[in-house]
PDB file of N, CA and C in Angstrom:
ATOM      1  N   UNK A   1      -3.823 -12.628   7.280  1.00  0.00           N
ATOM      2  CA  UNK A   1      -2.721 -12.232   6.964  1.00  0.00           C
ATOM      3  C   UNK A   1      -2.468 -11.634   5.197  1.00  0.00           C
ATOM      4  N   UNK A   2      -2.973 -11.898   4.725  1.00  0.00           N
ATOM      5  CA  UNK A   2      -3.686 -11.360   3.321  1.00  0.00           C
ATOM      6  C   UNK A   2      -4.031 -10.016   3.198  1.00  0.00           C
ATOM      7  N   UNK A   3      -4.547  -9.460   4.182  1.00  0.00           N
ATOM      8  CA  UNK A   3      -5.322  -8.737   3.974  1.00  0.00           C
ATOM      9  C   UNK A   3      -4.218  -7.510   4.667  1.00  0.00           C
ATOM     10  N   UNK A   4      -3.322  -7.581   5.249  1.00  0.00           N
ATOM     11  CA  UNK A   4      -2.059  -7.066   5.543  1.00  0.00           C
ATOM     12  C   UNK A   4      -1.249  -6.483   4.471  1.00  0.00           C
ATOM     13  N   UNK A   5      -0.968  -7.440   3.880  1.00  0.00           N
ATOM     14  CA  UNK A   5       0.231  -7.645   2.731  1.00  0.00           C
ATOM     15  C   UNK A   5      -0.463  -7.010   1.453  1.00  0.00           C
ATOM     16  N   UNK A   6      -2.395  -7.340   1.222  1.00  0.00           N
ATOM     17  CA  UNK A   6      -2.808  -6.020   0.405  1.00  0.00           C
ATOM     18  C   UNK A   6      -2.429  -4.719   1.197  1.00  0.00           C
ATOM     19  N   UNK A   7      -2.934  -4.032   2.048  1.00  0.00           N
ATOM     20  CA  UNK A   7      -2.585  -2.906   2.447  1.00  0.00           C
ATOM     21  C   UNK A   7      -1.071  -2.298   2.390  1.00  0.00           C
ATOM     22  N   UNK A   8      -0.544  -3.358   2.750  1.00  0.00           N
ATOM     23  CA  UNK A   8       1.395  -3.138   2.683  1.00  0.00           C
ATOM     24  C   UNK A   8       1.384  -2.623   0.908  1.00  0.00           C
ATOM     25  N   UNK A   9       0.596  -3.292   0.431  1.00  0.00           N
ATOM     26  CA  UNK A   9       1.054  -3.013  -1.043  1.00  0.00           C
ATOM     27  C   UNK A   9       0.577  -1.727  -1.660  1.00  0.00           C
ATOM     28  N   UNK A  10      -0.603  -1.753  -1.169  1.00  0.00           N
ATOM     29  CA  UNK A  10      -1.299  -0.415  -1.595  1.00  0.00           C
ATOM     30  C   UNK A  10      -0.605   0.906  -1.005  1.00  0.00           C
ATOM     31  N   UNK A  11       0.044   0.613   0.433  1.00  0.00           N
ATOM     32  CA  UNK A  11       1.023   1.748   1.165  1.00  0.00           C
ATOM     33  C   UNK A  11       1.951   2.071  -0.071  1.00  0.00           C
ATOM     34  N   UNK A  12       2.550   0.762  -0.839  1.00  0.00           N
ATOM     35  CA  UNK A  12       3.569   1.115  -1.581  1.00  0.00           C
ATOM     36  C   UNK A  12       3.481   1.919  -2.841  1.00  0.00           C
ATOM     37  N   UNK A  13       2.450   1.769  -3.058  1.00  0.00           N
ATOM     38  CA  UNK A  13       2.052   2.730  -4.295  1.00  0.00           C
ATOM     39  C   UNK A  13       1.264   4.217  -4.168  1.00  0.00           C
ATOM     40  N   UNK A  14       0.672   3.921  -3.013  1.00  0.00           N
ATOM     41  CA  UNK A  14      -0.684   5.309  -2.577  1.00  0.00           C
ATOM     42  C   UNK A  14      -0.158   6.147  -1.520  1.00  0.00           C
ATOM     43  N   UNK A  15       1.114   5.410  -0.625  1.00  0.00           N
ATOM     44  CA  UNK A  15       1.573   6.034   0.467  1.00  0.00           C
ATOM     45  C   UNK A  15       1.940   7.675   0.756  1.00  0.00           C
ATOM     46  N   UNK A  16       2.761   7.984  -0.207  1.00  0.00           N
ATOM     47  CA  UNK A  16       2.839   8.878  -0.391  1.00  0.00           C
ATOM     48  C   UNK A  16       1.610  10.075  -0.318  1.00  0.00           C
ATOM     49  N   UNK A  17       0.286  10.072  -0.860  1.00  0.00           N
ATOM     50  CA  UNK A  17      -0.981  10.507  -0.761  1.00  0.00           C
ATOM     51  C   UNK A  17      -1.567  10.905   0.643  1.00  0.00           C
ATOM     52  N   UNK A  18      -0.709  10.143   1.713  1.00  0.00           N
ATOM     53  CA  UNK A  18      -1.036  10.438   2.723  1.00  0.00           C
ATOM     54  C   UNK A  18      -0.743  11.353   3.569  1.00  0.00           C
ATOM     55  N   UNK A  19      -1.605  11.629   4.506  1.00  0.00           N
ATOM     56  CA  UNK A  19      -0.876  12.900   5.357  1.00  0.00           C
ATOM     57  C   UNK A  19       0.286  12.338   6.382  1.00  0.00           C
ATOM     58  N   UNK A  20       1.034  13.192   7.004  1.00  0.00           N
ATOM     59  CA  UNK A  20       2.456  12.913   7.335  1.00  0.00           C
ATOM     60  C   UNK A  20       1.979  12.041   8.543  1.00  0.00           C
ATOM     61  N   UNK A  21       1.109  12.314   9.422  1.00  0.00           N
ATOM     62  CA  UNK A  21       0.614  11.550  10.666  1.00  0.00           C
ATOM     63  C   UNK A  21      -0.177  10.455  10.308  1.00  0.00           C
ATOM     64  N   UNK A  22      -0.798  10.151   8.986  1.00  0.00           N
ATOM     65  CA  UNK A  22      -1.132   8.700   8.738  1.00  0.00           C
ATOM     66  C   UNK A  22      -0.271   7.877   8.054  1.00  0.00           C
ATOM     67  N   UNK A  23       0.842   8.581   7.579  1.00  0.00           N
ATOM     68  CA  UNK A  23       1.845   7.667   7.182  1.00  0.00           C
ATOM     69  C   UNK A  23       2.509   7.268   8.279  1.00  0.00           C
ATOM     70  N   UNK A  24       2.913   7.996   9.238  1.00  0.00           N
ATOM     71  CA  UNK A  24       3.686   7.837  10.890  1.00  0.00           C
ATOM     72  C   UNK A  24       2.833   6.465  11.419  1.00  0.00           C
ATOM     73  N   UNK A  25       1.825   6.839  11.525  1.00  0.00           N
ATOM     74  CA  UNK A  25       0.353   5.794  12.782  1.00  0.00           C
ATOM     75  C   UNK A  25       0.515   4.461  11.337  1.00  0.00           C
ATOM     76  N   UNK A  26       0.665   4.692  10.226  1.00  0.00           N
ATOM     77  CA  UNK A  26       0.812   3.490   9.680  1.00  0.00           C
ATOM     78  C   UNK A  26       1.731   2.670   9.746  1.00  0.00           C
ATOM     79  N   UNK A  27       3.224   3.082   9.323  1.00  0.00           N
ATOM     80  CA  UNK A  27       4.705   2.513   9.406  1.00  0.00           C
ATOM     81  C   UNK A  27       4.630   1.922  10.752  1.00  0.00           C
ATOM     82  N   UNK A  28       4.123   2.856  11.623  1.00  0.00           N
ATOM     83  CA  UNK A  28       4.386   2.234  13.282  1.00  0.00           C
ATOM     84  C   UNK A  28       3.698   0.503  13.214  1.00  0.00           C
ATOM     85  N   UNK A  29       2.478   1.328  13.029  1.00  0.00           N
ATOM     86  CA  UNK A  29       1.240  -0.558  12.869  1.00  0.00           C
ATOM     87  C   UNK A  29       2.131  -1.686  12.224  1.00  0.00           C
ATOM     88  N   UNK A  30       2.391  -1.060  10.909  1.00  0.00           N
ATOM     89  CA  UNK A  30       2.048  -2.245   9.898  1.00  0.00           C
ATOM     90  C   UNK A  30       3.520  -2.775   9.530  1.00  0.00           C
ATOM     91  N   UNK A  31       4.414  -1.496   9.192  1.00  0.00           N
ATOM     92  CA  UNK A  31       6.204  -2.086   9.190  1.00  0.00           C
ATOM     93  C   UNK A  31       7.221  -2.020  10.703  1.00  0.00           C
ATOM     94  N   UNK A  32       6.533  -1.722  11.893  1.00  0.00           N
ATOM     95  CA  UNK A  32       7.347  -1.890  13.182  1.00  0.00           C
ATOM     96  C   UNK A  32       6.704  -2.606  14.011  1.00  0.00           C
ATOM     97  N   UNK A  33       5.083  -2.861  13.738  1.00  0.00           N
ATOM     98  CA  UNK A  33       4.861  -3.988  14.080  1.00  0.00           C
ATOM     99  C   UNK A  33       4.507  -3.403  15.900  1.00  0.00           C
ATOM    100  N   UNK A  34       4.609  -1.780  16.143  1.00  0.00           N
ATOM    101  CA  UNK A  34       3.831  -1.587  17.048  1.00  0.00           C
ATOM    102  C   UNK A  34       2.330  -1.506  17.394  1.00  0.00           C
ATOM    103  N   UNK A  35       2.114  -2.166  18.710  1.00  0.00           N
ATOM    104  CA  UNK A  35       0.474  -2.035  19.186  1.00  0.00           C
ATOM    105  C   UNK A  35       0.014  -0.544  18.726  1.00  0.00           C
ATOM    106  N   UNK A  36      -1.578  -0.233  18.896  1.00  0.00           N
ATOM    107  CA  UNK A  36      -2.110   0.651  18.921  1.00  0.00           C
ATOM    108  C   UNK A  36      -1.785   1.599  20.360  1.00  0.00           C
ATOM    109  N   UNK A  37      -1.769   0.355  21.024  1.00  0.00           N
ATOM    110  CA  UNK A  37      -1.083   1.216  22.889  1.00  0.00           C
ATOM    111  C   UNK A  37       0.341   1.583  22.372  1.00  0.00           C
ATOM    112  N   UNK A  38       1.279   1.197  22.198  1.00  0.00           N
ATOM    113  CA  UNK A  38       2.162   1.612  22.015  1.00  0.00           C
ATOM    114  C   UNK A  38       2.250   2.971  20.856  1.00  0.00           C
ATOM    115  N   UNK A  39       1.759   2.520  19.937  1.00  0.00           N
ATOM    116  CA  UNK A  39       1.708   4.033  19.261  1.00  0.00           C
ATOM    117  C   UNK A  39       1.426   5.232  19.932  1.00  0.00           C
ATOM    118  N   UNK A  40       0.038   4.947  20.942  1.00  0.00           N
ATOM    119  CA  UNK A  40      -0.463   5.892  21.591  1.00  0.00           C
ATOM    120  C   UNK A  40       0.510   6.269  22.576  1.00  0.00           C
ATOM    121  N   UNK A  41       1.043   6.054  23.038  1.00  0.00           N
ATOM    122  CA  UNK A  41       2.133   5.953  24.247  1.00  0.00           C
ATOM    123  C   UNK A  41       3.308   6.756  23.690  1.00  0.00           C
ATOM    124  N   UNK A  42       3.564   6.259  22.511  1.00  0.00           N
ATOM    125  CA  UNK A  42       4.709   7.415  21.611  1.00  0.00           C
ATOM    126  C   UNK A  42       4.467   8.634  21.331  1.00  0.00           C
ATOM    127  N   UNK A  43       3.241   8.715  21.145  1.00  0.00           N
ATOM    128  CA  UNK A  43       2.704  10.094  20.571  1.00  0.00           C
ATOM    129  C   UNK A  43       1.873  11.166  21.556  1.00  0.00           C
ATOM    130  N   UNK A  44       1.899  10.017  22.548  1.00  0.00           N
ATOM    131  CA  UNK A  44       1.035  10.832  23.635  1.00  0.00           C
ATOM    132  C   UNK A  44      -0.433  11.637  23.240  1.00  0.00           C
ATOM    133  N   UNK A  45      -0.803  10.282  22.929  1.00  0.00           N
ATOM    134  CA  UNK A  45      -2.147  10.968  22.260  1.00  0.00           C
ATOM    135  C   UNK A  45      -3.088   9.304  22.796  1.00  0.00           C
ATOM    136  N   UNK A  46      -4.646   9.297  22.642  1.00  0.00           N
ATOM    137  CA  UNK A  46      -4.895   8.474  22.557  1.00  0.00           C
ATOM    138  C   UNK A  46      -5.136   6.855  21.791  1.00  0.00           C
ATOM    139  N   UNK A  47      -5.553   5.846  22.416  1.00  0.00           N
ATOM    140  CA  UNK A  47      -5.182   4.803  21.504  1.00  0.00           C
ATOM    141  C   UNK A  47      -6.130   4.624  20.276  1.00  0.00           C
ATOM    142  N   UNK A  48      -7.551   5.202  21.005  1.00  0.00           N
ATOM    143  CA  UNK A  48      -8.959   5.601  20.136  1.00  0.00           C
ATOM    144  C   UNK A  48      -8.428   6.570  18.561  1.00  0.00           C
ATOM    145  N   UNK A  49      -7.449   7.268  18.889  1.00  0.00           N
ATOM    146  CA  UNK A  49      -7.159   8.694  18.253  1.00  0.00           C
ATOM    147  C   UNK A  49      -6.283   7.711  16.965  1.00  0.00           C
ATOM    148  N   UNK A  50      -5.174   6.867  17.339  1.00  0.00           N
ATOM    149  CA  UNK A  50      -4.195   6.213  16.508  1.00  0.00           C
ATOM    150  C   UNK A  50      -5.530   5.373  15.747  1.00  0.00           C
ATOM    151  N   UNK A  51      -6.179   4.548  16.050  1.00  0.00           N
ATOM    152  CA  UNK A  51      -7.092   3.433  15.473  1.00  0.00           C
ATOM    153  C   UNK A  51      -7.720   4.653  14.819  1.00  0.00           C
ATOM    154  N   UNK A  52      -8.276   5.317  14.866  1.00  0.00           N
ATOM    155  CA  UNK A  52      -9.098   6.235  13.921  1.00  0.00           C
ATOM    156  C   UNK A  52      -8.042   6.950  12.825  1.00  0.00           C
ATOM    157  N   UNK A  53      -6.697   7.325  13.277  1.00  0.00           N
ATOM    158  CA  UNK A  53      -5.844   7.475  12.079  1.00  0.00           C
ATOM    159  C   UNK A  53      -5.510   6.498  10.604  1.00  0.00           C
ATOM    160  N   UNK A  54      -5.221   5.137  11.456  1.00  0.00           N
ATOM    161  CA  UNK A  54      -4.916   4.097  10.778  1.00  0.00           C
ATOM    162  C   UNK A  54      -6.017   3.588  10.058  1.00  0.00           C
ATOM    163  N   UNK A  55      -7.350   3.945  10.600  1.00  0.00           N
ATOM    164  CA  UNK A  55      -8.683   3.743   9.908  1.00  0.00           C
ATOM    165  C   UNK A  55      -8.924   4.511   8.529  1.00  0.00           C
ATOM    166  N   UNK A  56      -8.613   5.190   9.039  1.00  0.00           N
ATOM    167  CA  UNK A  56      -8.540   6.215   8.493  1.00  0.00           C
ATOM    168  C   UNK A  56      -7.699   6.041   6.804  1.00  0.00           C
ATOM    169  N   UNK A  57      -6.351   5.967   6.753  1.00  0.00           N
ATOM    170  CA  UNK A  57      -5.705   5.785   6.210  1.00  0.00           C
ATOM    171  C   UNK A  57      -5.922   4.367   5.291  1.00  0.00           C
ATOM    172  N   UNK A  58      -6.515   3.673   6.107  1.00  0.00           N
ATOM    173  CA  UNK A  58      -6.699   2.263   5.188  1.00  0.00           C
ATOM    174  C   UNK A  58      -7.397   2.420   4.278  1.00  0.00           C
ATOM    175  N   UNK A  59      -8.642   3.655   4.769  1.00  0.00           N
ATOM    176  CA  UNK A  59      -9.585   3.408   3.709  1.00  0.00           C
ATOM    177  C   UNK A  59      -9.311   4.278   2.597  1.00  0.00           C
ATOM    178  N   UNK A  60      -8.409   5.289   2.714  1.00  0.00           N
ATOM    179  CA  UNK A  60      -7.775   6.379   1.362  1.00  0.00           C
ATOM    180  C   UNK A  60      -7.144   5.406   0.647  1.00  0.00           C
ATOM    181  N   UNK A  61      -6.174   4.466   1.212  1.00  0.00           N
ATOM    182  CA  UNK A  61      -5.460   3.597   0.142  1.00  0.00           C
ATOM    183  C   UNK A  61      -6.319   3.154  -0.771  1.00  0.00           C
ATOM    184  N   UNK A  62      -7.504   2.128   0.121  1.00  0.00           N
ATOM    185  CA  UNK A  62      -8.634   1.494  -0.869  1.00  0.00           C
ATOM    186  C   UNK A  62      -9.325   2.463  -1.674  1.00  0.00           C
ATOM    187  N   UNK A  63      -9.625   3.531  -1.286  1.00  0.00           N
ATOM    188  CA  UNK A  63     -10.641   4.301  -2.378  1.00  0.00           C
ATOM    189  C   UNK A  63      -9.431   4.711  -3.358  1.00  0.00           C
ATOM    190  N   UNK A  64      -8.040   4.951  -3.531  1.00  0.00           N
ATOM    191  CA  UNK A  64      -7.234   5.140  -4.277  1.00  0.00           C
ATOM    192  C   UNK A  64      -7.712   4.058  -5.065  1.00  0.00           C
ATOM    193  N   UNK A  65      -7.076   3.111  -4.763  1.00  0.00           N
ATOM    194  CA  UNK A  65      -6.816   1.719  -5.602  1.00  0.00           C
ATOM    195  C   UNK A  65      -8.034   1.631  -6.577  1.00  0.00           C
ATOM    196  N   UNK A  66      -9.421   2.185  -5.958  1.00  0.00           N
ATOM    197  CA  UNK A  66     -10.806   1.110  -6.493  1.00  0.00           C
ATOM    198  C   UNK A  66     -10.948   2.555  -7.324  1.00  0.00           C
ATOM    199  N   UNK A  67     -10.083   3.606  -7.425  1.00  0.00           N
ATOM    200  CA  UNK A  67     -10.420   5.098  -8.630  1.00  0.00           C
ATOM    201  C   UNK A  67      -9.699   4.769  -9.688  1.00  0.00           C
ATOM    202  N   UNK A  68      -8.147   4.596  -8.684  1.00  0.00           N
ATOM    203  CA  UNK A  68      -7.162   4.837 -10.091  1.00  0.00           C
ATOM    204  C   UNK A  68      -6.621   3.131 -10.970  1.00  0.00           C
ATOM    205  N   UNK A  69      -6.792   2.153 -10.109  1.00  0.00           N
ATOM    206  CA  UNK A  69      -6.707   0.866 -10.390  1.00  0.00           C
ATOM    207  C   UNK A  69      -5.824   0.688 -10.914  1.00  0.00           C
ATOM    208  N   UNK A  70      -4.052   1.569 -10.340  1.00  0.00           N
ATOM    209  CA  UNK A  70      -2.692   0.983 -10.942  1.00  0.00           C
ATOM    210  C   UNK A  70      -2.643  -0.120 -10.550  1.00  0.00           C
ATOM    211  N   UNK A  71      -2.524  -1.140  -9.399  1.00  0.00           N
ATOM    212  CA  UNK A  71      -2.111  -2.756  -8.973  1.00  0.00           C
ATOM    213  C   UNK A  71      -2.835  -3.377  -9.944  1.00  0.00           C
ATOM    214  N   UNK A  72      -4.155  -2.971 -10.191  1.00  0.00           N
ATOM    215  CA  UNK A  72      -4.907  -3.992 -11.049  1.00  0.00           C
ATOM    216  C   UNK A  72      -4.480  -4.257 -12.659  1.00  0.00           C
ATOM    217  N   UNK A  73      -4.224  -2.994 -12.913  1.00  0.00           N
ATOM    218  CA  UNK A  73      -3.794  -3.007 -13.993  1.00  0.00           C
ATOM    219  C   UNK A  73      -2.274  -3.433 -14.625  1.00  0.00           C
ATOM    220  N   UNK A  74      -1.506  -3.357 -13.426  1.00  0.00           N
ATOM    221  CA  UNK A  74      -0.307  -3.583 -13.467  1.00  0.00           C
ATOM    222  C   UNK A  74      -0.485  -5.370 -13.523  1.00  0.00           C
ATOM    223  N   UNK A  75      -1.126  -5.336 -12.376  1.00  0.00           N
ATOM    224  CA  UNK A  75      -1.422  -7.454 -12.587  1.00  0.00           C
ATOM    225  C   UNK A  75      -1.886  -7.655 -14.139  1.00  0.00           C
ATOM    226  N   UNK A  76      -2.675  -7.248 -14.606  1.00  0.00           N
ATOM    227  CA  UNK A  76      -3.149  -7.439 -16.149  1.00  0.00           C
ATOM    228  C   UNK A  76      -2.513  -7.558 -16.876  1.00  0.00           C
ATOM    229  N   UNK A  77      -1.872  -6.275 -17.001  1.00  0.00           N
ATOM    230  CA  UNK A  77      -0.330  -6.339 -17.872  1.00  0.00           C
ATOM    231  C   UNK A  77       0.811  -7.757 -18.067  1.00  0.00           C
ATOM    232  N   UNK A  78       1.150  -7.687 -16.420  1.00  0.00           N
ATOM    233  CA  UNK A  78       1.573  -8.697 -16.136  1.00  0.00           C
ATOM    234  C   UNK A  78       1.175  -9.946 -16.847  1.00  0.00           C
ATOM    235  N   UNK A  79      -0.125 -10.212 -16.533  1.00  0.00           N
ATOM    236  CA  UNK A  79      -0.527 -11.436 -17.200  1.00  0.00           C
ATOM    237  C   UNK A  79      -0.666 -11.519 -18.482  1.00  0.00           C
ATOM    238  N   UNK A  80      -0.798 -10.776 -19.384  1.00  0.00           N
ATOM    239  CA  UNK A  80      -1.288 -10.472 -20.551  1.00  0.00           C
ATOM    240  C   UNK A  80       0.223 -10.686 -21.230  1.00  0.00           C
ATOM    241  N   UNK A  81       1.582 -10.010 -20.861  1.00  0.00           N
ATOM    242  CA  UNK A  81       2.751 -10.480 -21.143  1.00  0.00           C
ATOM    243  C   UNK A  81       3.157 -11.848 -20.706  1.00  0.00           C
ATOM    244  N   UNK A  82       2.759 -12.737 -20.145  1.00  0.00           N
ATOM    245  CA  UNK A  82       3.263 -13.400 -20.025  1.00  0.00           C
ATOM    246  C   UNK A  82       3.414 -14.670 -20.737  1.00  0.00           C
ATOM    247  N   UNK A  83       2.318 -14.472 -21.899  1.00  0.00           N
ATOM    248  CA  UNK A  83       1.887 -15.093 -22.886  1.00  0.00           C
ATOM    249  C   UNK A  83       2.515 -14.385 -24.052  1.00  0.00           C
ATOM    250  N   UNK A  84       3.272 -13.668 -24.207  1.00  0.00           N
ATOM    251  CA  UNK A  84       4.246 -13.387 -25.303  1.00  0.00           C
ATOM    252  C   UNK A  84       5.309 -14.326 -25.412  1.00  0.00           C
ATOM    253  N   UNK A  85       5.574 -14.868 -26.468  1.00  0.00           N
ATOM    254  CA  UNK A  85       6.593 -15.605 -26.378  1.00  0.00           C
ATOM    255  C   UNK A  85       8.233 -15.364 -27.432  1.00  0.00           C
ATOM    256  N   UNK A  86       8.171 -14.031 -27.643  1.00  0.00           N
ATOM    257  CA  UNK A  86       9.253 -13.258 -27.881  1.00  0.00           C
ATOM    258  C   UNK A  86       9.687 -12.574 -26.208  1.00  0.00           C
ATOM    259  N   UNK A  87      10.888 -13.246 -25.714  1.00  0.00           N
ATOM    260  CA  UNK A  87      11.720 -12.990 -24.910  1.00  0.00           C
ATOM    261  C   UNK A  87      12.172 -11.722 -24.609  1.00  0.00           C
ATOM    262  N   UNK A  88      12.611 -11.002 -25.668  1.00  0.00           N
ATOM    263  CA  UNK A  88      13.047 -10.002 -25.350  1.00  0.00           C
ATOM    264  C   UNK A  88      12.259  -8.595 -25.782  1.00  0.00           C
ATOM    265  N   UNK A  89      11.296  -8.886 -26.623  1.00  0.00           N
ATOM    266  CA  UNK A  89      10.000  -8.361 -26.355  1.00  0.00           C
ATOM    267  C   UNK A  89       9.235  -8.716 -24.839  1.00  0.00           C
ATOM    268  N   UNK A  90       9.327  -9.612 -24.238  1.00  0.00           N
ATOM    269  CA  UNK A  90       8.813  -9.386 -23.136  1.00  0.00           C
ATOM    270  C   UNK A  90       9.546  -8.894 -22.022  1.00  0.00           C
ATOM    271  N   UNK A  91      10.825  -9.242 -22.247  1.00  0.00           N
ATOM    272  CA  UNK A  91      11.742  -8.278 -20.992  1.00  0.00           C
ATOM    273  C   UNK A  91      11.615  -6.397 -21.104  1.00  0.00           C
ATOM    274  N   UNK A  92      11.506  -6.658 -22.286  1.00  0.00           N
ATOM    275  CA  UNK A  92      11.531  -4.323 -22.492  1.00  0.00           C
ATOM    276  C   UNK A  92       9.949  -4.356 -21.787  1.00  0.00           C
ATOM    277  N   UNK A  93       8.851  -5.215 -22.301  1.00  0.00           N
ATOM    278  CA  UNK A  93       7.648  -4.687 -21.598  1.00  0.00           C
ATOM    279  C   UNK A  93       7.309  -4.714 -20.291  1.00  0.00           C
ATOM    280  N   UNK A  94       8.341  -5.986 -19.542  1.00  0.00           N
ATOM    281  CA  UNK A  94       8.147  -5.771 -18.304  1.00  0.00           C
ATOM    282  C   UNK A  94       9.442  -5.021 -17.530  1.00  0.00           C
ATOM    283  N   UNK A  95      10.172  -4.533 -17.999  1.00  0.00           N
ATOM    284  CA  UNK A  95      11.149  -3.115 -17.587  1.00  0.00           C
ATOM    285  C   UNK A  95      10.523  -1.901 -17.521  1.00  0.00           C
ATOM    286  N   UNK A  96       9.358  -1.994 -18.608  1.00  0.00           N
ATOM    287  CA  UNK A  96       8.464  -0.378 -18.579  1.00  0.00           C
ATOM    288  C   UNK A  96       7.877  -0.405 -17.307  1.00  0.00           C
ATOM    289  N   UNK A  97       7.313  -1.540 -17.270  1.00  0.00           N
ATOM    290  CA  UNK A  97       6.111  -1.564 -16.169  1.00  0.00           C
ATOM    291  C   UNK A  97       6.967  -1.487 -15.185  1.00  0.00           C
ATOM    292  N   UNK A  98       7.995  -1.734 -14.874  1.00  0.00           N
ATOM    293  CA  UNK A  98       8.423  -2.135 -13.333  1.00  0.00           C
ATOM    294  C   UNK A  98       9.057  -0.627 -13.354  1.00  0.00           C
ATOM    295  N   UNK A  99       9.476  -0.002 -13.966  1.00  0.00           N
ATOM    296  CA  UNK A  99      10.321   1.319 -14.103  1.00  0.00           C
ATOM    297  C   UNK A  99       9.073   2.386 -13.659  1.00  0.00           C
TER     298      UNK A  99
END
């Protein structure tokens, strides 16, 4: 389950950088909980074609985070601001990070 959540988080950050087809397959598989067989039937393609597109999308998402490290940096910033005692300053920084 942890891997699934990680991929969904990566999709939230980098999903727009995937092809339309990869987004459709990823969303059907991870958000709509369709099986590979159901997606292949819906799209009239082989199950293997669906599997390859999903695996390709997953690899692209992982690769983007490994290069850009946006999620990693956000988490480091959130950890750092948790030690700030000034609540107004903490709130301002969190608002900047979340926007």
